[in-house]
Amino acid sequence: MHTGHRQRLKNRFLNEGLGSFEDHEVLELLLYYAIPQGDTNPLAHRLIEKFSTLNSVFNASIQELCTVDGVREHTATLIKLIPHISQFYTSLLVRDKKTLQNSQDAGLFVCSTIGCLKNEVFGVICLDAQRRVLAFELLEQGTVSRADVHPRKVIECALRHNAESVILAHNHPAATAYASEEDRLLTNSLCPLLEGIGIRVIDHIIAASPEIFVSMANSGLMPN
């Protein structure tokens, strides 16, 4: 029974991605590769119950993870690999000096990095004068529906990487492909702060899925 369930969950991921998965299902699938036999669903639920959110599970320490019944060092290490691999993957894109010449380039870049995340995050893409990516930093991580953004962190990030321009980026885990009023207010507040120190805000990209995004510049929603 468990073998059939495992294969169905794997096939669902291969056919649909993670967009329709619940938090515990993401963990359940991941745990297959640490626990080769048996039902990982109860353990996935215990992890969510212990840490409240999937994001908190990934951010927990090895020691904290091992306090959950059924989690040993091997399993905890696999869980901890996930955020580090994600960050490393982003660093590879940056290392290759990817160039974002237009909103399509930026949208695909953002979708590939944060479009599949289950919790809302906010980041800043720092660009040089040729629009090559200098860095992509995730500055805030929130619940399933909100990430609070501190303007000071955005400014510090842009200055730290000596950015000529920046692209703001966040995701909508609920797959809503539009800019909310809150998104517009945030953009309107950050743009003058950054431009006041000589750093242009080119766009604000909202990733609704690994393939779908909204460009506030293309939608005519960036402040003049």
N, C-alpha and C. Protein backbone atom coordinates (compact mmCIF):
# COMPACT_ATOMS: atom_id res chain seq x y z
N MET A 1 0.83 -1.21 0.00
CA MET A 1 0.00 0.00 0.00
C MET A 1 0.86 1.26 0.00
N HIS A 2 1.92 1.24 0.88
CA HIS A 2 2.77 2.42 0.97
C HIS A 2 3.55 2.64 -0.32
N THR A 3 3.98 1.51 -0.95
CA THR A 3 4.71 1.63 -2.22
C THR A 3 3.86 2.30 -3.28
N GLY A 4 2.60 1.88 -3.36
CA GLY A 4 1.70 2.50 -4.33
C GLY A 4 1.47 3.96 -4.05
N HIS A 5 1.33 4.31 -2.77
CA HIS A 5 1.11 5.71 -2.40
C HIS A 5 2.35 6.55 -2.72
N ARG A 6 3.51 6.01 -2.43
CA ARG A 6 4.75 6.72 -2.74
C ARG A 6 4.85 7.02 -4.24
N GLN A 7 4.57 6.03 -5.05
CA GLN A 7 4.69 6.22 -6.49
C GLN A 7 3.68 7.24 -7.00
N ARG A 8 2.47 7.20 -6.42
CA ARG A 8 1.45 8.18 -6.84
C ARG A 8 1.89 9.60 -6.50
N LEU A 9 2.48 9.78 -5.31
CA LEU A 9 2.93 11.11 -4.91
C LEU A 9 4.10 11.57 -5.78
N LYS A 10 5.01 10.64 -6.08
CA LYS A 10 6.12 10.98 -6.98
C LYS A 10 5.61 11.37 -8.36
N ASN A 11 4.66 10.58 -8.89
CA ASN A 11 4.11 10.88 -10.22
C ASN A 11 3.41 12.22 -10.23
N ARG A 12 2.72 12.52 -9.15
CA ARG A 12 2.03 13.82 -9.05
C ARG A 12 3.03 14.97 -9.13
N PHE A 13 4.15 14.81 -8.42
CA PHE A 13 5.19 15.84 -8.48
C PHE A 13 5.76 15.96 -9.89
N LEU A 14 6.07 14.81 -10.51
CA LEU A 14 6.67 14.82 -11.84
C LEU A 14 5.75 15.44 -12.88
N ASN A 15 4.44 15.25 -12.70
CA ASN A 15 3.47 15.76 -13.68
C ASN A 15 3.02 17.19 -13.40
N GLU A 16 3.00 17.58 -12.12
CA GLU A 16 2.39 18.86 -11.75
C GLU A 16 3.33 19.81 -11.02
N GLY A 17 4.48 19.32 -10.55
CA GLY A 17 5.31 20.14 -9.68
C GLY A 17 4.76 20.18 -8.28
N LEU A 18 5.22 21.13 -7.48
CA LEU A 18 4.82 21.20 -6.07
C LEU A 18 3.69 22.19 -5.82
N GLY A 19 3.21 22.84 -6.87
CA GLY A 19 2.23 23.92 -6.68
C GLY A 19 0.98 23.52 -5.94
N SER A 20 0.49 22.30 -6.13
CA SER A 20 -0.75 21.87 -5.48
C SER A 20 -0.52 21.10 -4.20
N PHE A 21 0.73 20.94 -3.79
CA PHE A 21 1.05 20.15 -2.60
C PHE A 21 0.78 20.94 -1.32
N GLU A 22 0.28 20.25 -0.31
CA GLU A 22 0.21 20.81 1.03
C GLU A 22 1.61 20.71 1.66
N ASP A 23 1.82 21.49 2.73
CA ASP A 23 3.14 21.49 3.36
C ASP A 23 3.58 20.09 3.77
N HIS A 24 2.67 19.34 4.40
CA HIS A 24 3.06 18.01 4.88
C HIS A 24 3.35 17.06 3.72
N GLU A 25 2.73 17.29 2.56
CA GLU A 25 2.99 16.43 1.41
C GLU A 25 4.38 16.68 0.84
N VAL A 26 4.83 17.94 0.88
CA VAL A 26 6.19 18.24 0.45
C VAL A 26 7.18 17.49 1.32
N LEU A 27 6.96 17.54 2.64
CA LEU A 27 7.84 16.82 3.55
C LEU A 27 7.74 15.31 3.36
N GLU A 28 6.53 14.84 3.19
CA GLU A 28 6.32 13.41 2.99
C GLU A 28 7.13 12.90 1.80
N LEU A 29 7.08 13.63 0.70
CA LEU A 29 7.84 13.25 -0.49
C LEU A 29 9.34 13.31 -0.23
N LEU A 30 9.79 14.37 0.42
CA LEU A 30 11.21 14.52 0.72
C LEU A 30 11.72 13.39 1.61
N LEU A 31 10.91 13.00 2.59
CA LEU A 31 11.32 11.98 3.55
C LEU A 31 11.48 10.60 2.91
N TYR A 32 10.89 10.38 1.75
CA TYR A 32 11.08 9.12 1.05
C TYR A 32 12.56 8.82 0.84
N TYR A 33 13.36 9.88 0.66
CA TYR A 33 14.76 9.71 0.30
C TYR A 33 15.66 9.58 1.53
N ALA A 34 15.08 9.65 2.72
CA ALA A 34 15.80 9.36 3.96
C ALA A 34 15.28 8.10 4.61
N ILE A 35 14.00 7.80 4.36
CA ILE A 35 13.35 6.63 4.96
C ILE A 35 12.84 5.77 3.80
N PRO A 36 13.60 4.75 3.40
CA PRO A 36 13.30 4.03 2.15
C PRO A 36 12.03 3.19 2.18
N GLN A 37 11.51 2.86 3.37
CA GLN A 37 10.32 2.04 3.45
C GLN A 37 9.38 2.60 4.51
N GLY A 38 8.10 2.28 4.35
CA GLY A 38 7.12 2.69 5.35
C GLY A 38 6.40 3.97 4.98
N ASP A 39 5.51 4.38 5.85
CA ASP A 39 4.66 5.55 5.63
C ASP A 39 5.30 6.76 6.29
N THR A 40 5.68 7.76 5.51
CA THR A 40 6.31 8.97 6.06
C THR A 40 5.29 10.07 6.37
N ASN A 41 4.02 9.81 6.08
CA ASN A 41 2.99 10.83 6.30
C ASN A 41 2.88 11.22 7.78
N PRO A 42 2.84 10.27 8.72
CA PRO A 42 2.74 10.67 10.14
C PRO A 42 3.92 11.51 10.60
N LEU A 43 5.13 11.17 10.14
CA LEU A 43 6.31 11.95 10.53
C LEU A 43 6.24 13.36 9.95
N ALA A 44 5.77 13.47 8.71
CA ALA A 44 5.62 14.79 8.10
C ALA A 44 4.67 15.65 8.92
N HIS A 45 3.57 15.06 9.36
CA HIS A 45 2.61 15.79 10.19
C HIS A 45 3.22 16.18 11.53
N ARG A 46 4.01 15.29 12.12
CA ARG A 46 4.64 15.62 13.41
C ARG A 46 5.59 16.79 13.28
N LEU A 47 6.31 16.84 12.18
CA LEU A 47 7.23 17.96 11.95
C LEU A 47 6.48 19.28 11.82
N ILE A 48 5.39 19.27 11.05
CA ILE A 48 4.60 20.50 10.90
C ILE A 48 3.98 20.90 12.23
N GLU A 49 3.48 19.95 13.00
CA GLU A 49 2.89 20.24 14.30
C GLU A 49 3.93 20.83 15.26
N LYS A 50 5.16 20.33 15.20
CA LYS A 50 6.23 20.80 16.08
C LYS A 50 6.67 22.22 15.73
N PHE A 51 6.83 22.49 14.41
CA PHE A 51 7.43 23.76 14.00
C PHE A 51 6.45 24.72 13.34
N SER A 52 5.19 24.30 13.18
CA SER A 52 4.09 25.16 12.71
C SER A 52 4.04 25.36 11.20
N THR A 53 5.18 25.65 10.56
CA THR A 53 5.18 25.90 9.12
C THR A 53 6.31 25.11 8.46
N LEU A 54 6.19 24.91 7.17
CA LEU A 54 7.24 24.21 6.42
C LEU A 54 8.53 25.02 6.45
N ASN A 55 8.40 26.33 6.34
CA ASN A 55 9.57 27.20 6.39
C ASN A 55 10.32 27.02 7.70
N SER A 56 9.58 26.90 8.80
CA SER A 56 10.20 26.73 10.11
C SER A 56 10.86 25.36 10.24
N VAL A 57 10.30 24.36 9.59
CA VAL A 57 10.95 23.03 9.57
C VAL A 57 12.31 23.14 8.92
N PHE A 58 12.37 23.79 7.76
CA PHE A 58 13.64 23.91 7.04
C PHE A 58 14.64 24.78 7.79
N ASN A 59 14.15 25.72 8.58
CA ASN A 59 15.04 26.61 9.32
C ASN A 59 15.47 26.08 10.67
N ALA A 60 14.84 25.00 11.12
CA ALA A 60 15.19 24.42 12.42
C ALA A 60 16.60 23.83 12.37
N SER A 61 17.25 23.76 13.54
CA SER A 61 18.58 23.18 13.61
C SER A 61 18.51 21.66 13.59
N ILE A 62 19.64 21.04 13.34
CA ILE A 62 19.72 19.58 13.37
C ILE A 62 19.24 19.06 14.73
N GLN A 63 19.69 19.73 15.78
CA GLN A 63 19.33 19.29 17.14
C GLN A 63 17.83 19.41 17.38
N GLU A 64 17.23 20.50 16.91
CA GLU A 64 15.78 20.68 17.08
C GLU A 64 15.00 19.64 16.29
N LEU A 65 15.45 19.36 15.08
CA LEU A 65 14.76 18.37 14.25
C LEU A 65 14.81 16.99 14.90
N CYS A 66 15.92 16.67 15.52
CA CYS A 66 16.10 15.35 16.11
C CYS A 66 15.28 15.15 17.38
N THR A 67 14.64 16.21 17.88
CA THR A 67 13.74 16.04 19.03
C THR A 67 12.38 15.48 18.62
N VAL A 68 12.12 15.46 17.32
CA VAL A 68 10.85 14.92 16.81
C VAL A 68 10.97 13.41 16.68
N ASP A 69 10.01 12.71 17.23
CA ASP A 69 10.02 11.25 17.19
C ASP A 69 10.08 10.75 15.74
N GLY A 70 11.10 9.95 15.45
CA GLY A 70 11.25 9.41 14.10
C GLY A 70 12.32 10.10 13.28
N VAL A 71 12.83 11.23 13.76
CA VAL A 71 13.88 11.96 13.04
C VAL A 71 15.23 11.67 13.67
N ARG A 72 16.13 11.13 12.86
CA ARG A 72 17.51 10.93 13.28
C ARG A 72 18.41 11.83 12.45
N GLU A 73 19.70 11.77 12.72
CA GLU A 73 20.63 12.70 12.08
C GLU A 73 20.59 12.62 10.56
N HIS A 74 20.46 11.42 10.01
CA HIS A 74 20.42 11.25 8.57
C HIS A 74 19.24 12.00 7.96
N THR A 75 18.07 11.85 8.58
CA THR A 75 16.85 12.53 8.09
C THR A 75 16.96 14.03 8.28
N ALA A 76 17.46 14.45 9.45
CA ALA A 76 17.60 15.87 9.74
C ALA A 76 18.56 16.54 8.75
N THR A 77 19.61 15.84 8.38
CA THR A 77 20.58 16.40 7.43
C THR A 77 19.94 16.62 6.07
N LEU A 78 19.12 15.66 5.63
CA LEU A 78 18.43 15.82 4.35
C LEU A 78 17.52 17.05 4.38
N ILE A 79 16.78 17.22 5.47
CA ILE A 79 15.88 18.38 5.59
C ILE A 79 16.68 19.68 5.54
N LYS A 80 17.81 19.71 6.25
CA LYS A 80 18.61 20.93 6.29
C LYS A 80 19.27 21.24 4.95
N LEU A 81 19.46 20.21 4.11
CA LEU A 81 20.06 20.44 2.80
C LEU A 81 19.19 21.32 1.91
N ILE A 82 17.87 21.25 2.08
CA ILE A 82 16.97 21.89 1.13
C ILE A 82 17.19 23.40 1.03
N PRO A 83 17.14 24.18 2.13
CA PRO A 83 17.37 25.63 1.96
C PRO A 83 18.78 25.95 1.48
N HIS A 84 19.75 25.13 1.87
CA HIS A 84 21.13 25.40 1.44
C HIS A 84 21.30 25.11 -0.05
N ILE A 85 20.67 24.06 -0.54
CA ILE A 85 20.73 23.77 -1.97
C ILE A 85 20.04 24.88 -2.77
N SER A 86 18.91 25.36 -2.25
CA SER A 86 18.20 26.45 -2.92
C SER A 86 19.09 27.69 -3.02
N GLN A 87 19.75 28.04 -1.92
CA GLN A 87 20.64 29.20 -1.93
C GLN A 87 21.83 28.98 -2.86
N PHE A 88 22.35 27.75 -2.87
CA PHE A 88 23.48 27.44 -3.74
C PHE A 88 23.09 27.52 -5.20
N TYR A 89 21.89 27.04 -5.52
CA TYR A 89 21.40 27.12 -6.89
C TYR A 89 21.30 28.59 -7.33
N THR A 90 20.77 29.44 -6.45
CA THR A 90 20.69 30.86 -6.77
C THR A 90 22.09 31.44 -6.98
N SER A 91 23.04 31.01 -6.15
CA SER A 91 24.41 31.53 -6.29
C SER A 91 25.03 31.12 -7.62
N LEU A 92 24.65 29.94 -8.14
CA LEU A 92 25.16 29.51 -9.45
C LEU A 92 24.66 30.43 -10.55
N LEU A 93 23.39 30.82 -10.45
CA LEU A 93 22.85 31.75 -11.44
C LEU A 93 23.59 33.08 -11.40
N VAL A 94 23.88 33.51 -10.18
CA VAL A 94 24.60 34.78 -10.02
C VAL A 94 26.02 34.64 -10.51
N ARG A 95 26.66 33.51 -10.18
CA ARG A 95 28.05 33.28 -10.56
C ARG A 95 28.20 33.28 -12.08
N ASP A 96 27.20 32.81 -12.77
CA ASP A 96 27.25 32.78 -14.23
C ASP A 96 26.96 34.14 -14.85
N LYS A 97 26.79 35.16 -13.99
CA LYS A 97 26.56 36.52 -14.45
C LYS A 97 25.37 36.60 -15.41
N LYS A 98 24.28 36.03 -14.98
CA LYS A 98 23.08 36.06 -15.81
C LYS A 98 22.65 37.50 -16.03
N THR A 99 22.27 37.81 -17.25
CA THR A 99 21.85 39.16 -17.59
C THR A 99 20.33 39.22 -17.72
N LEU A 100 19.74 40.22 -17.08
CA LEU A 100 18.29 40.41 -17.12
C LEU A 100 18.00 41.67 -17.92
N GLN A 101 17.85 41.50 -19.22
CA GLN A 101 17.70 42.65 -20.10
C GLN A 101 16.28 43.21 -20.11
N ASN A 102 15.31 42.40 -19.74
CA ASN A 102 13.92 42.85 -19.80
C ASN A 102 13.10 42.13 -18.75
N SER A 103 11.80 42.46 -18.69
CA SER A 103 10.93 41.89 -17.67
C SER A 103 10.73 40.39 -17.85
N GLN A 104 10.79 39.91 -19.09
CA GLN A 104 10.66 38.48 -19.33
C GLN A 104 11.84 37.73 -18.70
N ASP A 105 13.04 38.24 -18.91
CA ASP A 105 14.22 37.64 -18.30
C ASP A 105 14.09 37.63 -16.78
N ALA A 106 13.69 38.78 -16.24
CA ALA A 106 13.58 38.91 -14.78
C ALA A 106 12.51 37.98 -14.23
N GLY A 107 11.38 37.90 -14.92
CA GLY A 107 10.29 37.06 -14.46
C GLY A 107 10.67 35.59 -14.42
N LEU A 108 11.35 35.12 -15.47
CA LEU A 108 11.77 33.72 -15.50
C LEU A 108 12.82 33.44 -14.43
N PHE A 109 13.69 34.40 -14.19
CA PHE A 109 14.71 34.26 -13.14
C PHE A 109 14.04 34.13 -11.78
N VAL A 110 13.08 35.00 -11.49
CA VAL A 110 12.39 34.97 -10.20
C VAL A 110 11.58 33.69 -10.04
N CYS A 111 10.86 33.30 -11.09
CA CYS A 111 10.06 32.07 -11.04
C CYS A 111 10.93 30.85 -10.75
N SER A 112 12.12 30.81 -11.37
CA SER A 112 12.99 29.65 -11.20
C SER A 112 13.58 29.56 -9.81
N THR A 113 13.61 30.66 -9.09
CA THR A 113 14.24 30.65 -7.77
C THR A 113 13.22 30.61 -6.62
N ILE A 114 12.12 31.35 -6.73
CA ILE A 114 11.18 31.39 -5.60
C ILE A 114 9.75 31.04 -6.00
N GLY A 115 9.53 30.73 -7.26
CA GLY A 115 8.17 30.48 -7.72
C GLY A 115 7.50 29.26 -7.13
N CYS A 116 8.30 28.30 -6.63
CA CYS A 116 7.71 27.08 -6.09
C CYS A 116 7.63 27.08 -4.57
N LEU A 117 8.06 28.15 -3.92
CA LEU A 117 8.07 28.17 -2.46
C LEU A 117 6.64 28.25 -1.91
N LYS A 118 6.43 27.61 -0.76
CA LYS A 118 5.09 27.54 -0.17
C LYS A 118 4.81 28.71 0.76
N ASN A 119 5.84 29.41 1.20
CA ASN A 119 5.68 30.59 2.04
C ASN A 119 6.14 31.83 1.28
N GLU A 120 5.54 32.95 1.63
CA GLU A 120 5.88 34.18 0.93
C GLU A 120 7.26 34.67 1.35
N VAL A 121 8.05 35.06 0.36
CA VAL A 121 9.37 35.63 0.62
C VAL A 121 9.51 36.91 -0.20
N PHE A 122 10.41 37.76 0.24
CA PHE A 122 10.70 39.00 -0.48
C PHE A 122 12.20 39.11 -0.66
N GLY A 123 12.62 39.44 -1.89
CA GLY A 123 14.04 39.56 -2.16
C GLY A 123 14.36 40.72 -3.07
N VAL A 124 15.64 40.96 -3.23
CA VAL A 124 16.13 42.04 -4.09
C VAL A 124 17.19 41.47 -5.03
N ILE A 125 17.00 41.71 -6.32
CA ILE A 125 18.00 41.35 -7.32
C ILE A 125 18.85 42.59 -7.58
N CYS A 126 20.13 42.49 -7.31
CA CYS A 126 21.05 43.62 -7.53
C CYS A 126 21.74 43.45 -8.88
N LEU A 127 21.74 44.51 -9.67
CA LEU A 127 22.28 44.47 -11.03
C LEU A 127 23.41 45.48 -11.21
N ASP A 128 24.34 45.15 -12.12
CA ASP A 128 25.37 46.12 -12.46
C ASP A 128 24.89 46.98 -13.63
N ALA A 129 25.77 47.78 -14.19
CA ALA A 129 25.37 48.72 -15.25
C ALA A 129 24.93 48.00 -16.52
N GLN A 130 25.37 46.75 -16.72
CA GLN A 130 24.96 45.96 -17.89
C GLN A 130 23.78 45.04 -17.57
N ARG A 131 23.20 45.25 -16.43
CA ARG A 131 22.06 44.44 -15.93
C ARG A 131 22.44 42.98 -15.70
N ARG A 132 23.69 42.75 -15.37
CA ARG A 132 24.10 41.43 -14.94
C ARG A 132 23.80 41.27 -13.46
N VAL A 133 23.39 40.08 -13.06
CA VAL A 133 23.01 39.84 -11.66
C VAL A 133 24.25 39.80 -10.78
N LEU A 134 24.30 40.71 -9.83
CA LEU A 134 25.37 40.72 -8.84
C LEU A 134 25.01 39.85 -7.64
N ALA A 135 23.75 39.86 -7.28
CA ALA A 135 23.28 39.07 -6.14
C ALA A 135 21.77 39.03 -6.15
N PHE A 136 21.22 37.99 -5.57
CA PHE A 136 19.78 37.91 -5.32
C PHE A 136 19.63 37.48 -3.86
N GLU A 137 19.25 38.40 -3.02
CA GLU A 137 19.13 38.12 -1.59
C GLU A 137 17.67 38.07 -1.19
N LEU A 138 17.31 37.01 -0.45
CA LEU A 138 15.99 36.94 0.18
C LEU A 138 16.09 37.62 1.52
N LEU A 139 15.39 38.72 1.66
CA LEU A 139 15.53 39.56 2.85
C LEU A 139 14.47 39.27 3.90
N GLU A 140 13.32 38.80 3.48
CA GLU A 140 12.25 38.52 4.43
C GLU A 140 11.56 37.22 4.06
N GLN A 141 11.19 36.46 5.07
CA GLN A 141 10.41 35.25 4.88
C GLN A 141 9.24 35.28 5.83
N GLY A 142 8.06 34.99 5.30
CA GLY A 142 6.87 35.13 6.12
C GLY A 142 6.01 33.89 6.17
N THR A 143 4.74 34.10 6.42
CA THR A 143 3.77 33.02 6.47
C THR A 143 3.36 32.67 5.05
N VAL A 144 2.31 31.90 4.92
CA VAL A 144 1.86 31.50 3.59
C VAL A 144 1.37 32.69 2.78
N SER A 145 1.03 33.80 3.43
CA SER A 145 0.40 34.90 2.70
C SER A 145 1.07 36.25 2.87
N ARG A 146 2.13 36.35 3.70
CA ARG A 146 2.68 37.69 3.91
C ARG A 146 4.13 37.64 4.36
N ALA A 147 4.93 38.53 3.81
CA ALA A 147 6.30 38.73 4.26
C ALA A 147 6.46 40.23 4.52
N ASP A 148 6.72 40.61 5.76
CA ASP A 148 6.92 42.01 6.09
C ASP A 148 8.31 42.45 5.62
N VAL A 149 8.40 43.63 5.06
CA VAL A 149 9.64 44.11 4.46
C VAL A 149 10.12 45.35 5.20
N HIS A 150 11.37 45.33 5.61
CA HIS A 150 11.97 46.48 6.27
C HIS A 150 12.80 47.26 5.25
N PRO A 151 12.45 48.51 4.97
CA PRO A 151 13.17 49.29 3.96
C PRO A 151 14.67 49.36 4.20
N ARG A 152 15.08 49.40 5.47
CA ARG A 152 16.51 49.50 5.77
C ARG A 152 17.27 48.30 5.19
N LYS A 153 16.69 47.11 5.27
CA LYS A 153 17.35 45.92 4.73
C LYS A 153 17.50 46.00 3.22
N VAL A 154 16.50 46.56 2.55
CA VAL A 154 16.55 46.68 1.10
C VAL A 154 17.67 47.62 0.69
N ILE A 155 17.75 48.76 1.37
CA ILE A 155 18.79 49.74 1.07
C ILE A 155 20.18 49.17 1.36
N GLU A 156 20.33 48.50 2.51
CA GLU A 156 21.62 47.92 2.87
C GLU A 156 22.06 46.87 1.85
N CYS A 157 21.10 46.08 1.37
CA CYS A 157 21.41 45.05 0.37
C CYS A 157 21.94 45.68 -0.91
N ALA A 158 21.25 46.70 -1.40
CA ALA A 158 21.66 47.36 -2.64
C ALA A 158 23.04 48.00 -2.51
N LEU A 159 23.30 48.63 -1.37
CA LEU A 159 24.59 49.27 -1.15
C LEU A 159 25.70 48.24 -0.97
N ARG A 160 25.39 47.15 -0.29
CA ARG A 160 26.38 46.10 -0.03
C ARG A 160 26.94 45.52 -1.31
N HIS A 161 26.08 45.41 -2.33
CA HIS A 161 26.50 44.82 -3.59
C HIS A 161 26.83 45.86 -4.65
N ASN A 162 26.87 47.11 -4.23
CA ASN A 162 27.23 48.20 -5.14
C ASN A 162 26.36 48.17 -6.40
N ALA A 163 25.06 48.02 -6.21
CA ALA A 163 24.13 47.87 -7.33
C ALA A 163 23.93 49.19 -8.06
N GLU A 164 23.89 49.10 -9.39
CA GLU A 164 23.50 50.24 -10.21
C GLU A 164 21.97 50.36 -10.25
N SER A 165 21.31 49.21 -10.21
CA SER A 165 19.85 49.17 -10.22
C SER A 165 19.41 47.89 -9.52
N VAL A 166 18.12 47.82 -9.19
CA VAL A 166 17.60 46.64 -8.52
C VAL A 166 16.25 46.26 -9.10
N ILE A 167 15.90 45.00 -8.92
CA ILE A 167 14.56 44.51 -9.21
C ILE A 167 14.02 43.92 -7.91
N LEU A 168 12.88 44.40 -7.48
CA LEU A 168 12.23 43.84 -6.30
C LEU A 168 11.53 42.54 -6.71
N ALA A 169 11.44 41.59 -5.81
CA ALA A 169 10.83 40.30 -6.16
C ALA A 169 10.19 39.66 -4.95
N HIS A 170 9.01 39.12 -5.16
CA HIS A 170 8.40 38.28 -4.13
C HIS A 170 7.47 37.28 -4.79
N ASN A 171 6.96 36.37 -4.01
CA ASN A 171 6.09 35.33 -4.56
C ASN A 171 4.71 35.38 -3.92
N HIS A 172 3.74 34.83 -4.62
CA HIS A 172 2.38 34.65 -4.10
C HIS A 172 2.12 33.15 -4.00
N PRO A 173 2.31 32.54 -2.83
CA PRO A 173 2.13 31.09 -2.71
C PRO A 173 0.73 30.62 -3.09
N ALA A 174 -0.26 31.50 -2.99
CA ALA A 174 -1.63 31.12 -3.36
C ALA A 174 -1.86 31.17 -4.87
N ALA A 175 -0.79 31.46 -5.63
CA ALA A 175 -0.84 31.47 -7.09
C ALA A 175 -1.73 32.57 -7.66
N THR A 176 -1.84 33.68 -6.93
CA THR A 176 -2.61 34.82 -7.43
C THR A 176 -1.70 35.68 -8.30
N ALA A 177 -2.01 35.73 -9.59
CA ALA A 177 -1.15 36.41 -10.56
C ALA A 177 -1.58 37.85 -10.75
N TYR A 178 -1.48 38.65 -9.72
CA TYR A 178 -1.75 40.07 -9.83
C TYR A 178 -1.04 40.80 -8.70
N ALA A 179 -0.85 42.09 -8.87
CA ALA A 179 -0.23 42.92 -7.83
C ALA A 179 -1.32 43.45 -6.91
N SER A 180 -1.23 43.10 -5.64
CA SER A 180 -2.22 43.55 -4.68
C SER A 180 -2.00 45.02 -4.32
N GLU A 181 -2.95 45.59 -3.64
CA GLU A 181 -2.80 46.98 -3.18
C GLU A 181 -1.60 47.09 -2.24
N GLU A 182 -1.40 46.07 -1.43
CA GLU A 182 -0.25 46.05 -0.52
C GLU A 182 1.06 46.04 -1.31
N ASP A 183 1.09 45.28 -2.41
CA ASP A 183 2.28 45.25 -3.26
C ASP A 183 2.57 46.62 -3.86
N ARG A 184 1.51 47.31 -4.28
CA ARG A 184 1.68 48.64 -4.88
C ARG A 184 2.19 49.64 -3.84
N LEU A 185 1.63 49.58 -2.64
CA LEU A 185 2.06 50.50 -1.58
C LEU A 185 3.52 50.26 -1.22
N LEU A 186 3.90 49.00 -1.14
CA LEU A 186 5.29 48.68 -0.82
C LEU A 186 6.23 49.22 -1.89
N THR A 187 5.89 48.99 -3.15
CA THR A 187 6.72 49.46 -4.25
C THR A 187 6.82 50.98 -4.25
N ASN A 188 5.69 51.63 -4.03
CA ASN A 188 5.67 53.10 -4.02
C ASN A 188 6.49 53.67 -2.87
N SER A 189 6.63 52.91 -1.78
CA SER A 189 7.42 53.40 -0.65
C SER A 189 8.92 53.13 -0.83
N LEU A 190 9.26 52.01 -1.49
CA LEU A 190 10.67 51.66 -1.63
C LEU A 190 11.36 52.41 -2.76
N CYS A 191 10.64 52.67 -3.86
CA CYS A 191 11.27 53.30 -5.03
C CYS A 191 11.92 54.64 -4.71
N PRO A 192 11.24 55.58 -4.08
CA PRO A 192 11.89 56.87 -3.82
C PRO A 192 13.06 56.76 -2.84
N LEU A 193 13.00 55.80 -1.92
CA LEU A 193 14.11 55.63 -0.98
C LEU A 193 15.37 55.18 -1.71
N LEU A 194 15.22 54.22 -2.61
CA LEU A 194 16.37 53.73 -3.35
C LEU A 194 16.86 54.74 -4.37
N GLU A 195 15.93 55.37 -5.07
CA GLU A 195 16.33 56.35 -6.08
C GLU A 195 16.94 57.58 -5.43
N GLY A 196 16.61 57.81 -4.16
CA GLY A 196 17.21 58.92 -3.43
C GLY A 196 18.69 58.71 -3.17
N ILE A 197 19.16 57.46 -3.23
CA ILE A 197 20.60 57.20 -3.08
C ILE A 197 21.21 56.76 -4.42
N GLY A 198 20.50 57.07 -5.51
CA GLY A 198 21.05 56.86 -6.84
C GLY A 198 20.91 55.46 -7.39
N ILE A 199 20.01 54.67 -6.84
CA ILE A 199 19.81 53.30 -7.31
C ILE A 199 18.41 53.18 -7.91
N ARG A 200 18.34 52.90 -9.18
CA ARG A 200 17.06 52.83 -9.88
C ARG A 200 16.35 51.50 -9.62
N VAL A 201 15.05 51.56 -9.38
CA VAL A 201 14.23 50.35 -9.25
C VAL A 201 13.59 50.08 -10.61
N ILE A 202 14.03 49.03 -11.29
CA ILE A 202 13.59 48.74 -12.65
C ILE A 202 12.21 48.11 -12.69
N ASP A 203 11.95 47.22 -11.74
CA ASP A 203 10.70 46.45 -11.81
C ASP A 203 10.44 45.82 -10.45
N HIS A 204 9.24 45.33 -10.28
CA HIS A 204 8.88 44.50 -9.14
C HIS A 204 8.18 43.28 -9.73
N ILE A 205 8.83 42.12 -9.59
CA ILE A 205 8.32 40.88 -10.15
C ILE A 205 7.61 40.07 -9.07
N ILE A 206 6.42 39.58 -9.40
CA ILE A 206 5.65 38.75 -8.47
C ILE A 206 5.49 37.37 -9.11
N ALA A 207 6.08 36.36 -8.49
CA ALA A 207 5.99 34.99 -9.01
C ALA A 207 4.77 34.30 -8.42
N ALA A 208 3.86 33.89 -9.30
CA ALA A 208 2.65 33.19 -8.84
C ALA A 208 2.81 31.68 -8.90
N SER A 209 3.81 31.19 -9.63
CA SER A 209 4.08 29.77 -9.76
C SER A 209 5.47 29.64 -10.38
N PRO A 210 5.96 28.41 -10.59
CA PRO A 210 7.26 28.27 -11.27
C PRO A 210 7.26 28.75 -12.71
N GLU A 211 6.08 29.03 -13.28
CA GLU A 211 6.01 29.45 -14.68
C GLU A 211 5.30 30.79 -14.88
N ILE A 212 4.52 31.25 -13.91
CA ILE A 212 3.67 32.42 -14.09
C ILE A 212 4.16 33.56 -13.20
N PHE A 213 4.27 34.75 -13.78
CA PHE A 213 4.70 35.91 -13.00
C PHE A 213 3.98 37.16 -13.49
N VAL A 214 4.05 38.19 -12.67
CA VAL A 214 3.53 39.50 -13.01
C VAL A 214 4.67 40.50 -12.93
N SER A 215 4.81 41.31 -13.96
CA SER A 215 5.78 42.41 -13.94
C SER A 215 5.01 43.70 -13.69
N MET A 216 5.32 44.37 -12.59
CA MET A 216 4.63 45.63 -12.30
C MET A 216 5.03 46.71 -13.30
N ALA A 217 6.23 46.62 -13.86
CA ALA A 217 6.64 47.58 -14.89
C ALA A 217 5.81 47.40 -16.15
N ASN A 218 5.65 46.15 -16.59
CA ASN A 218 4.85 45.89 -17.78
C ASN A 218 3.39 46.20 -17.57
N SER A 219 2.95 46.15 -16.32
CA SER A 219 1.55 46.43 -16.01
C SER A 219 1.29 47.91 -15.77
N GLY A 220 2.32 48.73 -15.91
CA GLY A 220 2.17 50.16 -15.71
C GLY A 220 1.96 50.57 -14.29
N LEU A 221 2.48 49.75 -13.33
CA LEU A 221 2.23 49.99 -11.92
C LEU A 221 3.43 50.54 -11.16
N MET A 222 4.54 50.75 -11.86
CA MET A 222 5.71 51.33 -11.20
C MET A 222 5.52 52.84 -11.08
N PRO A 223 5.93 53.43 -9.95
CA PRO A 223 5.79 54.89 -9.79
C PRO A 223 6.66 55.63 -10.80
N ASN A 224 6.22 56.80 -11.20
CA ASN A 224 6.97 57.59 -12.18
C ASN A 224 8.26 58.10 -11.57
